[in-house]
C-alpha cells in the first residue's frame, strides 16, 4: 500500500488587508498554499485576485496581515532579507509585460542579466544565452530569440512571458489570468505549458482566473475569492460539491459568459 505523501505548507496568509482609498479590496483574507501544488483562485473579474498576487510577490505592501513563506513572516524582514524570498518567486502577468524595446531573447534573459542566478549568484553571458534558449524551447518558441514582441501573436507573447519566468527557475510561480484574451486552442496550450513547467521545476503555483475550464485543467486545489475574502478551498472534486449559492452563481455566470463568446 502506497503511503499518502504529507502536504507541506509553503505559504500561509492570515488577516491580509489592502485598501485603495475608500475601496477595501482584501478583507482579513486567509489562505494556505502547499508545496508542489497548484492552487487556483477563482473569482469574478475585478474582485481583487490580482491584488492578492501583488501582495504575495512584494509588488505592493498590504495594510495589515501576515504572509509566511516556509514559516517566516516575510513582511517583517529587512529589505535585503525579504529580497532573498522574493527572488525565489516569479510571476506571469496578465499581458505578459514584455519589454517592447528588447527582442525575445533579451526579454527572456532579462532577470538573469539584472540579478544573476537566485541560488548561485552571478552567471556568464554565455550561460544566460544557453538558459534563455532552453527556456524558450520549453515553451515551444525555439528560434524566436531575434523576434520583437510586436512580431508575436497573443499566445506567443504569453509563452515568451512564461519563458522569462522559468529561465531563473523559481520555486513559486504566480499566474495572473494566464488565458485571458486567448482563443480556446491557445488557452489549452498555455494550460498544458503551466502544468509542464510546474512539473519540470517541481514548483508551487498560484493561478488566479475566472476561467473554470483552465482551473480544472491546471489546479490541484480550487479557492473562491468573494467580497475580499477566500470563502472556500477544496480539491477539484469536492469544490463543485460545496452547497453554496455563491459558488453556483459563479459557475452559472461563467457558463453563460462562455456561451455568449461562442
Protein backbone atom coordinates (compact mmCIF):
# COMPACT_ATOMS: atom_id res chain seq x y z
CA UNK A 1 0.00 0.00 0.00
CA UNK A 2 1.39 3.41 -1.03
CA UNK A 3 1.74 5.89 1.79
CA UNK A 4 0.00 9.20 1.29
CA UNK A 5 2.52 12.00 0.96
CA UNK A 6 2.28 14.57 3.73
CA UNK A 7 1.48 18.05 2.47
CA UNK A 8 3.96 20.73 3.46
CA UNK A 9 2.74 24.29 3.91
CA UNK A 10 4.64 26.67 1.62
CA UNK A 11 2.77 29.98 2.03
CA UNK A 12 0.47 30.92 4.92
CA UNK A 13 -1.57 34.13 4.67
CA UNK A 14 -3.52 35.45 7.62
CA UNK A 15 -5.63 38.58 8.13
CA UNK A 16 -4.49 40.26 4.90
CA UNK A 17 -5.98 43.69 4.23
CA UNK A 18 -5.46 46.05 1.32
CA UNK A 19 -7.36 49.23 0.52
CA UNK A 20 -7.07 51.87 -2.17
CA UNK A 21 -8.62 54.97 -0.64
CA UNK A 22 -12.15 54.03 0.39
CA UNK A 23 -12.09 50.81 -1.66
CA UNK A 24 -11.39 47.86 0.65
CA UNK A 25 -10.19 45.10 -1.72
CA UNK A 26 -8.74 42.45 0.61
CA UNK A 27 -10.59 41.96 3.89
CA UNK A 28 -8.88 39.85 6.55
CA UNK A 29 -8.07 37.31 3.85
CA UNK A 30 -6.72 33.89 4.92
CA UNK A 31 -5.16 31.33 2.57
CA UNK A 32 -2.82 28.32 2.69
CA UNK A 33 -0.73 27.21 -0.31
CA UNK A 34 1.01 23.85 -0.15
CA UNK A 35 4.42 23.00 -1.56
CA UNK A 36 4.43 21.44 -5.02
CA UNK A 37 0.71 22.02 -5.58
CA UNK A 38 -1.17 24.35 -7.91
CA UNK A 39 -3.81 26.45 -6.17
CA UNK A 40 -6.30 28.19 -8.44
CA UNK A 41 -8.05 31.26 -7.03
CA UNK A 42 -11.37 31.71 -8.83
CA UNK A 43 -13.48 34.81 -8.78
CA UNK A 44 -15.24 37.37 -10.92
CA UNK A 45 -13.16 39.96 -12.76
CA UNK A 46 -12.29 42.96 -10.62
CA UNK A 47 -12.73 41.34 -7.19
CA UNK A 48 -9.05 41.64 -6.21
CA UNK A 49 -7.47 38.36 -7.29
CA UNK A 50 -4.55 40.13 -8.98
CA UNK A 51 -4.16 42.38 -5.93
CA UNK A 52 -3.61 39.26 -3.84
CA UNK A 53 -0.76 38.14 -6.10
CA UNK A 54 0.88 41.57 -5.85
CA UNK A 55 0.96 41.30 -2.06
CA UNK A 56 2.48 37.82 -2.17
CA UNK A 57 5.28 38.71 -4.55
CA UNK A 58 6.02 42.08 -2.95
CA UNK A 59 4.92 44.45 -5.73
CA UNK A 60 2.65 46.09 -3.17
CA UNK A 61 2.62 46.16 0.61
CA UNK A 62 -0.57 45.14 2.42
CA UNK A 63 -2.12 47.43 5.02
CA UNK A 64 -2.05 44.65 7.61
CA UNK A 65 -1.78 40.91 7.99
CA UNK A 66 0.96 38.31 7.61
CA UNK A 67 2.47 36.40 4.68
CA UNK A 68 4.62 33.49 5.83
CA UNK A 69 6.89 31.67 3.37
CA UNK A 70 8.41 28.46 4.72
CA UNK A 71 7.33 29.56 8.20
CA UNK A 72 8.87 33.06 8.03
CA UNK A 73 6.73 36.21 8.01
CA UNK A 74 8.45 37.96 5.13
CA UNK A 75 6.63 41.24 5.76
CA UNK A 76 8.65 41.69 8.97
CA UNK A 77 12.05 41.14 7.33
CA UNK A 78 14.58 43.79 6.35
CA UNK A 79 14.54 44.70 2.63
CA UNK A 80 17.68 42.67 1.92
CA UNK A 81 16.40 39.52 3.66
CA UNK A 82 12.95 39.97 2.13
CA UNK A 83 14.56 40.06 -1.32
CA UNK A 84 16.01 36.58 -0.77
CA UNK A 85 12.46 35.20 -0.59
CA UNK A 86 11.13 37.26 -3.49
CA UNK A 87 13.99 36.04 -5.68
CA UNK A 88 12.56 32.53 -5.37
CA UNK A 89 9.23 33.71 -6.82
CA UNK A 90 8.20 34.61 -10.33
CA UNK A 91 5.06 35.98 -11.92
CA UNK A 92 3.45 35.76 -15.36
CA UNK A 93 1.50 38.99 -15.74
CA UNK A 94 -1.85 39.14 -17.49
CA UNK A 95 -0.46 40.97 -20.54
CA UNK A 96 2.90 39.11 -20.44
CA UNK A 97 4.59 42.51 -19.73
CA UNK A 98 7.37 42.05 -22.29
CA UNK A 99 9.73 44.96 -22.89
CA UNK A 100 8.87 46.30 -26.35
CA UNK A 101 12.41 47.61 -26.92
CA UNK A 102 14.01 44.17 -26.38
CA UNK A 103 13.84 41.11 -28.60
CA UNK A 104 12.54 37.79 -27.29
CA UNK A 105 15.98 36.53 -26.30
CA UNK A 106 16.79 39.72 -24.39
CA UNK A 107 13.39 39.64 -22.67
CA UNK A 108 13.92 36.04 -21.63
CA UNK A 109 17.36 36.64 -20.14
CA UNK A 110 16.49 39.97 -18.50
CA UNK A 111 16.22 38.69 -14.93
CA UNK A 112 19.48 36.78 -15.13
CA UNK A 113 21.32 39.80 -16.54
CA UNK A 114 19.98 42.04 -13.79
CA UNK A 115 20.13 39.72 -10.77
CA UNK A 116 22.12 36.63 -11.70
CA UNK A 117 21.01 33.18 -10.63
CA UNK A 118 18.97 33.45 -7.39
CA UNK A 119 20.70 30.39 -5.98
CA UNK A 120 24.31 30.57 -7.15
CA UNK A 121 24.88 34.26 -7.85
CA UNK A 122 26.17 35.94 -10.99
CA UNK A 123 26.47 33.90 -14.19
CA UNK A 124 28.25 34.38 -17.51
CA UNK A 125 26.72 35.85 -20.64
CA UNK A 126 27.15 32.50 -22.35
CA UNK A 127 25.19 30.75 -19.60
CA UNK A 128 22.41 33.34 -19.84
CA UNK A 129 22.13 32.73 -23.59
CA UNK A 130 22.11 28.96 -23.07
CA UNK A 131 19.46 29.08 -20.37
CA UNK A 132 17.34 31.52 -22.37
CA UNK A 133 17.34 29.13 -25.33
CA UNK A 134 16.43 26.24 -23.03
CA UNK A 135 13.53 28.23 -21.53
CA UNK A 136 12.24 29.20 -24.97
CA UNK A 137 12.47 25.57 -26.08
CA UNK A 138 10.37 24.54 -23.05
CA UNK A 139 7.55 26.81 -24.27
CA UNK A 140 7.93 25.84 -27.94
CA UNK A 141 9.50 29.13 -29.03
CA UNK A 142 12.88 27.90 -30.24
CA UNK A 143 14.35 30.15 -32.89
CA UNK A 144 12.41 33.26 -31.90
CA UNK A 145 15.28 34.93 -30.00
CA UNK A 146 15.65 37.77 -32.53
CA UNK A 147 11.95 38.48 -32.96
CA UNK A 148 10.46 41.57 -31.33
CA UNK A 149 7.36 41.37 -29.10
CA UNK A 150 5.38 43.23 -31.77
CA UNK A 151 6.04 40.31 -34.13
CA UNK A 152 4.37 37.81 -31.80
CA UNK A 153 0.75 36.71 -31.54
CA UNK A 154 -1.06 36.96 -28.20
CA UNK A 155 -0.40 33.31 -27.43
CA UNK A 156 3.28 33.61 -28.36
CA UNK A 157 3.64 36.66 -26.10
CA UNK A 158 2.19 34.64 -23.21
CA UNK A 159 4.67 31.85 -23.92
CA UNK A 160 7.55 34.32 -24.11
CA UNK A 161 6.46 35.73 -20.76
CA UNK A 162 6.43 32.21 -19.36
CA UNK A 163 9.96 31.61 -20.69
CA UNK A 164 11.14 34.76 -18.95
CA UNK A 165 9.59 33.42 -15.74
CA UNK A 166 11.05 29.92 -15.82
CA UNK A 167 14.55 30.90 -17.00
CA UNK A 168 15.65 31.55 -13.41
CA UNK A 169 13.78 28.51 -12.09
CA UNK A 170 11.70 29.98 -9.25
CA UNK A 171 10.26 27.59 -6.70
CA UNK A 172 6.99 29.54 -6.56
CA UNK A 173 5.20 30.69 -9.71
CA UNK A 174 2.28 33.14 -9.84
CA UNK A 175 -0.01 33.38 -12.86
CA UNK A 176 -2.34 36.36 -13.37
CA UNK A 177 -5.25 35.38 -15.66
CA UNK A 178 -2.94 33.37 -17.97
CA UNK A 179 -5.61 32.51 -20.56
CA UNK A 180 -7.49 35.82 -20.72
CA UNK A 181 -7.93 37.09 -24.28
CA UNK A 182 -6.81 33.84 -25.90
CA UNK A 183 -8.80 31.58 -28.19
CA UNK A 184 -9.73 28.15 -26.76
CA UNK A 185 -6.96 26.24 -28.55
CA UNK A 186 -4.23 28.69 -27.49
CA UNK A 187 -5.62 28.78 -23.95
CA UNK A 188 -5.39 24.97 -23.83
CA UNK A 189 -1.74 25.19 -24.96
CA UNK A 190 -0.96 27.68 -22.18
CA UNK A 191 -2.64 25.41 -19.63
CA UNK A 192 -0.52 22.48 -20.81
CA UNK A 193 2.63 24.60 -20.52
CA UNK A 194 1.71 25.67 -16.98
CA UNK A 195 1.40 22.01 -15.99
CA UNK A 196 4.61 21.08 -17.84
CA UNK A 197 6.77 23.81 -16.32
CA UNK A 198 5.38 23.21 -12.82
CA UNK A 199 6.30 19.54 -13.11
CA UNK A 200 9.77 20.14 -14.55
CA UNK A 201 10.62 22.80 -11.95
CA UNK A 202 8.82 20.99 -9.11
CA UNK A 203 7.32 24.38 -8.29
CA UNK A 204 4.44 25.63 -6.17
CA UNK A 205 1.96 27.55 -8.32
CA UNK A 206 -0.80 30.07 -7.69
CA UNK A 207 -3.14 30.81 -10.60
CA UNK A 208 -5.83 33.48 -10.47
CA UNK A 209 -8.54 33.25 -13.08
CA UNK A 210 -12.26 33.46 -13.77
CA UNK A 211 -11.91 30.65 -16.34
CA UNK A 212 -13.37 27.47 -14.84
CA UNK A 213 -12.05 25.32 -17.68
CA UNK A 214 -8.48 26.46 -17.01
CA UNK A 215 -8.98 25.93 -13.28
CA UNK A 216 -9.97 22.32 -13.87
CA UNK A 217 -7.03 21.77 -16.22
CA UNK A 218 -4.22 23.11 -14.04
CA UNK A 219 -5.48 23.14 -10.44
CA UNK A 220 -4.90 20.70 -7.61
CA UNK A 221 -6.88 22.87 -5.18
CA UNK A 222 -9.53 25.47 -6.01
CA UNK A 223 -10.37 28.54 -3.92
CA UNK A 224 -13.15 31.08 -4.34
CA UNK A 225 -12.41 34.77 -3.80
CA UNK A 226 -15.58 36.65 -2.88
CA UNK A 227 -16.12 40.03 -1.24
CA UNK A 228 -12.45 40.44 -0.33
CA UNK A 229 -12.05 37.02 1.28
CA UNK A 230 -11.35 33.40 0.38
CA UNK A 231 -14.62 31.74 1.31
CA UNK A 232 -13.95 28.15 0.17
CA UNK A 233 -10.90 25.97 -0.58
CA UNK A 234 -11.12 22.35 -1.66
CA UNK A 235 -9.78 19.87 -4.18
CA UNK A 236 -11.42 19.94 -7.60
CA UNK A 237 -13.95 17.19 -6.98
CA UNK A 238 -15.04 18.46 -3.58
CA UNK A 239 -15.14 22.11 -4.61
CA UNK A 240 -18.02 21.69 -7.03
CA UNK A 241 -19.99 19.69 -4.48
CA UNK A 242 -19.98 22.55 -1.95
CA UNK A 243 -23.54 23.65 -1.27
CA UNK A 244 -23.17 27.41 -1.50
CA UNK A 245 -25.25 29.67 -3.79
CA UNK A 246 -22.19 31.90 -4.32
CA UNK A 247 -20.31 29.03 -5.97
CA UNK A 248 -23.34 28.01 -8.02
CA UNK A 249 -23.88 31.60 -9.19
CA UNK A 250 -20.23 31.92 -10.18
CA UNK A 251 -20.36 28.67 -12.17
CA UNK A 252 -23.58 29.72 -13.89
CA UNK A 253 -22.28 33.18 -14.79
CA UNK A 254 -19.05 31.69 -16.14
CA UNK A 255 -21.02 29.20 -18.25
CA UNK A 256 -23.25 31.96 -19.62
CA UNK A 257 -20.16 34.00 -20.48
CA UNK A 258 -18.65 31.07 -22.40
CA UNK A 259 -21.87 30.53 -24.39
CA UNK A 260 -22.04 34.23 -25.17
CA UNK A 261 -18.48 34.24 -26.51
CA UNK A 262 -19.05 31.39 -28.96
